[in-house]
Amino acid sequence: MNRLKRAVAAATAVAAAALIPLTAAPAGAATGPATHLGMTWTVLATGPEGTVQVGVGTSGNAYSGDTAPSVSLPVLCLKVDGSPAPAGISLSYYTGWAQGTVALSQPVLGARLNSRAAADSVCQASFGSGWREAEFRDGRYGPDLSQTGCWTFWAYGNIPNSTRFWTAINDQPANPWD
């Protein structure tokens, strides 16, 4: 009987440990599911040297979000590494250069994206250190890429056309966590 009690206690401890998050939530982070519409982007064009232009497109909404948190979509992940823009891309306010590489995570339920940290952690779990969710204003242009643009940007990457993906925006209530 003692052996049975120990086995039950061990199984209970293992089950309880499985319910504990592997990483602690950042201070001030939301703990419940996200409930707000989130902004999504899509591929707008492909360019030279393995580049892709991503942006809000015709169905995105940068002001209040456009996709319900009940939808599963990939997160647009970005690793900024200082890469120079290749020749052949014209940079401007609306077509900046992100100075790095983009990639898509596996689809994630929008409700899971209850904070920026949660979205960034999806990218880090998918691709490693230095990756984060891409943001509306990650495009740079002008002398020495010193100016910030928005709505779209170019980066290295290979993303399928006709795919929508979660993208963050820092100054509008258009994220699932807002």
Protein backbone atom coordinates (compact mmCIF):
# COMPACT_ATOMS: atom_id res chain seq x y z
CA MET A 1 0.00 0.00 0.00
CA ASN A 2 2.87 2.35 0.79
CA ARG A 3 4.30 1.74 -2.69
CA LEU A 4 0.91 2.61 -4.23
CA LYS A 5 0.71 5.85 -2.21
CA ARG A 6 4.22 6.84 -3.34
CA ALA A 7 3.37 6.08 -6.97
CA VAL A 8 0.18 8.15 -6.76
CA ALA A 9 2.06 11.01 -5.05
CA ALA A 10 4.78 10.92 -7.72
CA ALA A 11 2.24 10.90 -10.54
CA THR A 12 0.40 13.82 -8.92
CA ALA A 13 3.65 15.80 -8.61
CA VAL A 14 4.49 15.16 -12.27
CA ALA A 15 1.01 16.24 -13.36
CA ALA A 16 1.19 19.38 -11.21
CA ALA A 17 4.63 20.26 -12.60
CA ALA A 18 3.24 20.04 -16.13
CA LEU A 19 0.79 22.80 -15.26
CA ILE A 20 3.56 25.20 -14.18
CA PRO A 21 4.77 27.46 -17.02
CA LEU A 22 8.33 26.79 -18.13
CA THR A 23 9.11 30.51 -17.95
CA ALA A 24 7.71 33.05 -15.58
CA ALA A 25 5.48 35.73 -17.04
CA PRO A 26 7.22 39.12 -17.25
CA ALA A 27 6.20 41.65 -14.61
CA GLY A 28 2.99 43.36 -15.65
CA ALA A 29 2.25 40.77 -18.35
CA ALA A 30 -1.30 39.63 -18.87
CA THR A 31 -2.04 36.15 -17.62
CA GLY A 32 -5.37 35.41 -19.31
CA PRO A 33 -6.06 34.86 -22.99
CA ALA A 34 -5.96 37.82 -25.38
CA THR A 35 -9.41 39.00 -26.48
CA HIS A 36 -8.78 41.90 -28.88
CA LEU A 37 -8.59 41.90 -32.68
CA GLY A 38 -4.97 41.75 -33.83
CA MET A 39 -3.31 43.37 -36.82
CA THR A 40 -2.15 41.03 -39.58
CA TRP A 41 0.15 41.57 -42.52
CA THR A 42 0.85 39.69 -45.73
CA VAL A 43 3.52 39.40 -48.44
CA LEU A 44 3.35 42.33 -50.84
CA ALA A 45 6.30 41.55 -53.13
CA THR A 46 9.49 39.57 -53.53
CA GLY A 47 12.70 41.25 -54.51
CA PRO A 48 16.37 40.75 -55.28
CA GLU A 49 18.73 38.50 -53.32
CA GLY A 50 16.05 36.62 -51.41
CA THR A 51 14.19 39.64 -50.07
CA VAL A 52 10.51 40.00 -49.33
CA GLN A 53 8.29 43.02 -48.76
CA VAL A 54 5.69 42.52 -46.03
CA GLY A 55 2.97 44.94 -45.06
CA VAL A 56 -0.57 45.61 -43.99
CA GLY A 57 -2.03 45.01 -47.47
CA THR A 58 -5.66 45.68 -48.31
CA SER A 59 -7.33 43.77 -45.47
CA GLY A 60 -5.17 44.73 -42.51
CA ASN A 61 -6.21 47.32 -39.93
CA ALA A 62 -3.41 49.14 -38.12
CA TYR A 63 -5.81 51.15 -35.95
CA SER A 64 -8.01 48.54 -34.29
CA GLY A 65 -6.85 45.14 -35.60
CA ASP A 66 -8.46 42.96 -38.25
CA THR A 67 -8.34 39.35 -37.06
CA ALA A 68 -10.11 37.72 -34.12
CA PRO A 69 -7.97 36.12 -31.39
CA SER A 70 -9.81 32.85 -32.05
CA VAL A 71 -7.86 32.53 -35.34
CA SER A 72 -4.52 30.69 -35.60
CA LEU A 73 -1.92 32.40 -37.77
CA PRO A 74 1.88 32.43 -37.85
CA VAL A 75 3.74 35.25 -36.08
CA LEU A 76 5.96 37.40 -38.32
CA CYS A 77 9.35 37.09 -36.64
CA LEU A 78 12.31 39.39 -37.25
CA LYS A 79 15.98 39.20 -36.40
CA VAL A 80 17.67 42.56 -36.86
CA ASP A 81 21.35 41.98 -37.56
CA GLY A 82 22.36 45.19 -39.36
CA SER A 83 22.20 43.67 -42.85
CA PRO A 84 22.55 46.35 -45.53
CA ALA A 85 19.77 46.66 -48.09
CA PRO A 86 20.64 44.98 -51.38
CA ALA A 87 20.80 46.99 -54.59
CA GLY A 88 17.50 47.17 -56.41
CA ILE A 89 15.25 48.07 -53.49
CA SER A 90 14.02 51.64 -53.40
CA LEU A 91 13.61 52.71 -49.78
CA SER A 92 11.13 55.31 -48.56
CA TYR A 93 8.77 56.04 -45.68
CA TYR A 94 6.37 53.35 -46.95
CA THR A 95 9.02 50.85 -48.07
CA GLY A 96 11.76 50.74 -45.45
CA TRP A 97 14.48 48.17 -44.83
CA ALA A 98 14.30 46.08 -41.62
CA GLN A 99 18.06 45.42 -41.52
CA GLY A 100 17.65 41.68 -41.07
CA THR A 101 15.65 38.55 -41.77
CA VAL A 102 11.99 37.64 -41.37
CA ALA A 103 10.46 34.20 -40.91
CA LEU A 104 7.09 32.79 -39.89
CA SER A 105 6.45 30.74 -36.77
CA GLN A 106 4.02 27.86 -36.79
CA PRO A 107 0.41 29.09 -36.54
CA VAL A 108 -0.48 30.42 -33.09
CA LEU A 109 -3.91 31.10 -31.67
CA GLY A 110 -4.23 34.88 -31.32
CA ALA A 111 -5.60 34.41 -27.80
CA ARG A 112 -2.16 33.07 -26.85
CA LEU A 113 -0.61 36.43 -27.72
CA ASN A 114 -1.61 38.14 -24.47
CA SER A 115 1.46 40.41 -24.34
CA ARG A 116 4.32 41.57 -26.52
CA ALA A 117 6.59 39.33 -24.46
CA ALA A 118 4.36 36.33 -25.27
CA ALA A 119 4.58 37.10 -29.00
CA ASP A 120 8.36 37.59 -28.81
CA SER A 121 8.69 34.28 -26.98
CA VAL A 122 6.98 32.50 -29.90
CA CYS A 123 9.71 33.84 -32.19
CA GLN A 124 12.51 32.94 -29.78
CA ALA A 125 11.14 29.42 -29.33
CA SER A 126 10.87 29.03 -33.11
CA PHE A 127 14.17 30.55 -34.23
CA GLY A 128 16.39 31.26 -31.22
CA SER A 129 17.92 34.19 -29.42
CA GLY A 130 17.63 37.62 -31.00
CA TRP A 131 14.31 36.94 -32.75
CA ARG A 132 11.16 38.91 -31.88
CA GLU A 133 7.76 39.69 -33.34
CA ALA A 134 8.07 42.21 -36.17
CA GLU A 135 6.55 45.64 -35.61
CA PHE A 136 4.68 48.11 -37.84
CA ARG A 137 7.61 50.56 -37.79
CA ASP A 138 10.56 48.21 -38.30
CA GLY A 139 11.33 49.67 -41.74
CA ARG A 140 14.17 52.19 -41.97
CA TYR A 141 15.10 54.57 -44.79
CA GLY A 142 17.03 57.78 -45.45
CA PRO A 143 20.70 58.59 -44.87
CA ASP A 144 22.29 55.72 -42.93
CA LEU A 145 18.76 54.29 -42.47
CA SER A 146 18.27 56.92 -39.77
CA GLN A 147 14.55 57.46 -40.37
CA THR A 148 11.67 55.20 -39.40
CA GLY A 149 8.93 54.33 -41.87
CA CYS A 150 5.77 52.30 -41.54
CA TRP A 151 3.01 50.26 -43.24
CA THR A 152 5.49 47.95 -45.03
CA PHE A 153 9.13 46.96 -44.97
CA TRP A 154 11.65 44.84 -46.84
CA ALA A 155 13.85 42.15 -45.26
CA TYR A 156 15.63 38.97 -46.21
CA GLY A 157 13.34 35.96 -46.01
CA ASN A 158 11.23 33.44 -47.82
CA ILE A 159 7.56 33.73 -46.88
CA PRO A 160 4.76 32.16 -48.94
CA ASN A 161 2.48 34.52 -50.84
CA SER A 162 -1.17 34.69 -49.78
CA THR A 163 -0.29 34.11 -46.12
CA ARG A 164 -1.51 36.40 -43.35
CA PHE A 165 0.45 36.65 -40.12
CA TRP A 166 0.35 38.41 -36.75
CA THR A 167 2.43 41.61 -36.62
CA ALA A 168 2.75 44.03 -33.69
CA ILE A 169 2.10 47.76 -33.54
CA ASN A 170 3.42 49.81 -30.63
CA ASP A 171 1.16 52.86 -30.62
CA GLN A 172 -2.32 51.69 -31.61
CA PRO A 173 -4.80 49.29 -29.95
CA ALA A 174 -4.44 46.74 -32.75
CA ASN A 175 -2.73 43.82 -30.99
CA PRO A 176 -4.48 40.76 -29.53
CA TRP A 177 -3.26 41.84 -26.05
CA ASP A 178 -4.81 45.36 -26.26
